[in-house]
Amino acid sequence: MSLCSRRERSVVPKMNTISYSVHDDEGVKLLPKSKPSLDGSSLAKDRVLVQVIACGVNPVDAKYNVGDKLPDFMAPLGRRLVEGRTVGFDFAGKVVAVPAGSCSEFAVGDAVFGTMPPLEGSFAEYIEAPVAQIAKKPTQLSFEEAAVLPLVGLTCLQSLKHDCGLKEGQHLLLVGASGGVGHVAVQVAKAV
């Protein structure tokens, strides 16, 4: 065995992620991380491996970096907590691996969209997505369209249907319906 082939075997495949960085002017940086095993052998039973095709950007992504929702004295602690973690919540992509013996409703090749738990991030080439937080992508939506819906869509559904109990035939006044959540709330309210 040559020295060259020993080196090749020890190379860990890498993937790119966009991660928080307090040391960079933009607050984020492109960071290579270990690429997950594409055979699904390292997946938890409640996760699937997704190749990310599109991501949605939300104000909360910036708030994690800025720490403006924390008291001033805690903002530096909050920024240290997110340092090096992958940015993002919303995504759309294709399932590339499922755990062995899993009874998941998802199969390799399924187009999916969803949201990642806090501090796990979606701005990566591959993510291990919790099956409870993803759904099959509607065929009439592009990956880009599906990637921008999860957080705003869930916010609308939770606030209109679950918190307010909106029912068919009721009237609703939406103030500020031009923002990310508002423009989707108009469509959700109309469909209820």
Protein backbone atom coordinates (compact mmCIF):
# COMPACT_ATOMS: atom_id res chain seq x y z
CA MET A 1 0.00 0.00 0.00
CA SER A 2 1.41 3.36 -0.97
CA LEU A 3 1.53 6.40 1.30
CA CYS A 4 -0.83 8.19 -1.08
CA SER A 5 -3.60 5.58 -0.74
CA ARG A 6 -3.32 5.67 3.10
CA ARG A 7 -3.85 9.42 3.00
CA GLU A 8 -6.84 9.11 0.69
CA ARG A 9 -8.56 6.67 3.05
CA SER A 10 -8.25 9.00 6.03
CA VAL A 11 -9.82 11.98 4.28
CA VAL A 12 -13.19 12.83 5.82
CA PRO A 13 -15.69 14.07 3.24
CA LYS A 14 -16.69 17.67 3.86
CA MET A 15 -19.76 19.73 3.09
CA ASN A 16 -20.33 23.47 3.27
CA THR A 17 -22.53 25.13 5.87
CA ILE A 18 -23.29 28.75 6.60
CA SER A 19 -22.56 29.24 10.28
CA TYR A 20 -22.80 32.09 12.77
CA SER A 21 -19.53 33.95 13.36
CA VAL A 22 -19.17 36.93 15.71
CA HIS A 23 -15.69 37.54 14.27
CA ASP A 24 -16.86 38.16 10.71
CA ASP A 25 -18.35 41.50 9.62
CA GLU A 26 -21.39 39.79 8.11
CA GLY A 27 -22.01 37.73 11.25
CA VAL A 28 -21.83 34.48 9.27
CA LYS A 29 -19.23 32.52 7.36
CA LEU A 30 -18.95 29.56 5.02
CA LEU A 31 -17.69 26.71 7.16
CA PRO A 32 -16.72 23.21 6.03
CA LYS A 33 -18.10 20.47 8.29
CA SER A 34 -18.03 16.70 8.13
CA LYS A 35 -20.45 15.32 5.59
CA PRO A 36 -22.90 12.84 7.13
CA SER A 37 -22.86 9.22 6.02
CA LEU A 38 -25.19 8.90 3.04
CA ASP A 39 -26.14 5.31 3.89
CA GLY A 40 -28.26 6.36 6.91
CA SER A 41 -26.28 4.21 9.36
CA SER A 42 -25.69 7.11 11.77
CA LEU A 43 -29.27 8.49 11.71
CA ALA A 44 -31.49 8.47 14.78
CA LYS A 45 -34.77 6.58 14.26
CA ASP A 46 -36.76 9.84 14.22
CA ARG A 47 -34.62 11.59 11.56
CA VAL A 48 -34.06 11.42 7.82
CA LEU A 49 -31.08 12.72 5.88
CA VAL A 50 -32.09 15.50 3.47
CA GLN A 51 -30.04 17.01 0.69
CA VAL A 52 -30.98 20.68 0.95
CA ILE A 53 -32.00 22.32 -2.32
CA ALA A 54 -33.37 25.63 -0.98
CA CYS A 55 -33.52 27.50 2.34
CA GLY A 56 -35.77 30.23 3.64
CA VAL A 57 -34.33 33.25 5.47
CA ASN A 58 -36.26 34.61 8.46
CA PRO A 59 -35.71 37.57 10.81
CA VAL A 60 -35.05 35.11 13.63
CA ASP A 61 -31.88 34.00 11.81
CA ALA A 62 -30.44 37.50 12.27
CA LYS A 63 -31.81 37.86 15.80
CA TYR A 64 -29.80 34.84 16.90
CA ASN A 65 -26.64 36.57 15.71
CA VAL A 66 -27.44 40.05 17.01
CA GLY A 67 -28.94 38.92 20.31
CA ASP A 68 -31.37 41.86 20.32
CA LYS A 69 -34.12 39.91 22.09
CA LEU A 70 -31.91 39.46 25.14
CA PRO A 71 -31.15 41.99 27.87
CA ASP A 72 -28.01 43.99 26.94
CA PHE A 73 -25.83 42.25 29.53
CA MET A 74 -26.77 38.81 28.11
CA ALA A 75 -26.31 39.58 24.39
CA PRO A 76 -22.61 38.53 24.35
CA LEU A 77 -23.52 35.23 26.03
CA GLY A 78 -26.25 34.63 23.43
CA ARG A 79 -23.84 35.33 20.57
CA ARG A 80 -21.29 32.90 22.05
CA LEU A 81 -24.00 30.26 22.28
CA VAL A 82 -24.70 30.43 18.53
CA GLU A 83 -21.05 30.81 17.46
CA GLY A 84 -20.16 28.17 14.85
CA ARG A 85 -23.70 26.74 14.71
CA THR A 86 -25.44 26.39 11.37
CA VAL A 87 -27.83 29.22 10.43
CA GLY A 88 -31.46 28.76 9.44
CA PHE A 89 -34.72 27.01 10.15
CA ASP A 90 -36.67 26.57 6.88
CA PHE A 91 -35.62 24.28 4.03
CA ALA A 92 -36.77 22.11 1.13
CA GLY A 93 -34.90 19.21 -0.38
CA LYS A 94 -34.83 15.50 -1.15
CA VAL A 95 -34.55 12.60 1.27
CA VAL A 96 -31.28 10.77 0.58
CA ALA A 97 -31.28 8.32 3.51
CA VAL A 98 -33.62 6.90 6.13
CA PRO A 99 -32.54 4.94 9.22
CA ALA A 100 -32.48 1.16 8.91
CA GLY A 101 -35.61 -0.44 10.35
CA SER A 102 -37.42 2.88 10.45
CA CYS A 103 -41.18 2.92 9.94
CA SER A 104 -41.07 6.50 8.66
CA GLU A 105 -43.55 7.64 6.03
CA PHE A 106 -40.61 9.07 4.08
CA ALA A 107 -38.52 7.20 1.53
CA VAL A 108 -35.32 7.95 -0.34
CA GLY A 109 -36.12 10.33 -3.20
CA ASP A 110 -39.10 12.03 -1.52
CA ALA A 111 -39.23 15.80 -1.98
CA VAL A 112 -39.81 17.34 1.47
CA PHE A 113 -39.94 20.70 3.23
CA GLY A 114 -39.86 21.68 6.87
CA THR A 115 -38.14 23.46 9.68
CA MET A 116 -35.17 22.50 11.83
CA PRO A 117 -35.12 22.74 15.63
CA PRO A 118 -33.46 25.84 17.16
CA LEU A 119 -29.65 25.90 16.89
CA GLU A 120 -29.48 22.92 14.49
CA GLY A 121 -29.70 24.95 11.29
CA SER A 122 -30.73 24.34 7.70
CA PHE A 123 -28.10 26.27 5.73
CA ALA A 124 -26.05 23.19 4.87
CA GLU A 125 -25.73 20.81 1.96
CA TYR A 126 -27.18 17.97 4.07
CA ILE A 127 -29.25 18.02 7.28
CA GLU A 128 -30.61 15.36 9.60
CA ALA A 129 -34.22 16.50 9.75
CA PRO A 130 -36.67 15.34 12.45
CA VAL A 131 -39.56 13.49 10.76
CA ALA A 132 -42.04 15.30 13.05
CA GLN A 133 -40.97 18.64 11.52
CA ILE A 134 -41.11 17.83 7.81
CA ALA A 135 -43.80 17.07 5.24
CA LYS A 136 -43.85 15.93 1.64
CA LYS A 137 -43.50 18.93 -0.66
CA PRO A 138 -46.64 19.67 -2.67
CA THR A 139 -45.88 18.93 -6.32
CA GLN A 140 -47.24 22.29 -7.46
CA LEU A 141 -44.63 24.18 -5.38
CA SER A 142 -41.02 24.66 -6.41
CA PHE A 143 -38.32 23.88 -3.84
CA GLU A 144 -37.74 27.62 -3.41
CA GLU A 145 -41.44 28.29 -2.75
CA ALA A 146 -41.70 25.41 -0.29
CA ALA A 147 -38.56 26.50 1.57
CA VAL A 148 -40.01 29.87 2.56
CA LEU A 149 -43.29 28.56 4.03
CA PRO A 150 -42.60 26.55 7.21
CA LEU A 151 -42.05 29.21 9.91
CA VAL A 152 -44.48 31.77 8.55
CA GLY A 153 -47.05 29.11 7.74
CA LEU A 154 -46.87 27.54 11.19
CA THR A 155 -47.04 30.97 12.83
CA CYS A 156 -50.23 31.75 10.87
CA LEU A 157 -51.90 28.44 11.57
CA GLN A 158 -51.05 28.52 15.26
CA SER A 159 -52.19 32.10 15.75
CA LEU A 160 -55.33 32.04 13.60
CA LYS A 161 -56.71 28.54 14.10
CA HIS A 162 -55.32 27.34 17.42
CA ASP A 163 -54.88 30.53 19.46
CA CYS A 164 -57.79 32.59 18.07
CA GLY A 165 -60.10 29.74 17.10
CA LEU A 166 -60.84 31.21 13.66
CA LYS A 167 -63.76 29.38 12.04
CA GLU A 168 -65.48 29.51 8.67
CA GLY A 169 -67.77 32.51 8.31
CA GLN A 170 -66.02 34.73 10.87
CA HIS A 171 -64.59 38.13 9.95
CA LEU A 172 -60.96 38.97 10.57
CA LEU A 173 -58.98 42.21 10.43
CA LEU A 174 -55.30 41.71 9.69
CA VAL A 175 -53.13 44.75 10.40
CA GLY A 176 -49.67 44.71 8.82
CA ALA A 177 -50.49 42.07 6.24
CA SER A 178 -47.58 43.03 3.99
CA GLY A 179 -44.85 41.30 6.00
CA GLY A 180 -43.62 37.73 5.92
CA VAL A 181 -46.26 36.33 8.26
CA GLY A 182 -48.99 38.81 7.31
CA HIS A 183 -49.14 38.06 3.60
CA VAL A 184 -49.46 34.35 4.35
CA ALA A 185 -52.03 35.03 7.11
CA VAL A 186 -54.33 36.66 4.55
CA GLN A 187 -54.25 33.50 2.43
CA VAL A 188 -54.69 31.16 5.41
CA ALA A 189 -57.60 33.23 6.77
CA LYS A 190 -59.29 33.20 3.37
CA ALA A 191 -58.92 29.41 3.12
CA VAL A 192 -60.42 28.75 6.59
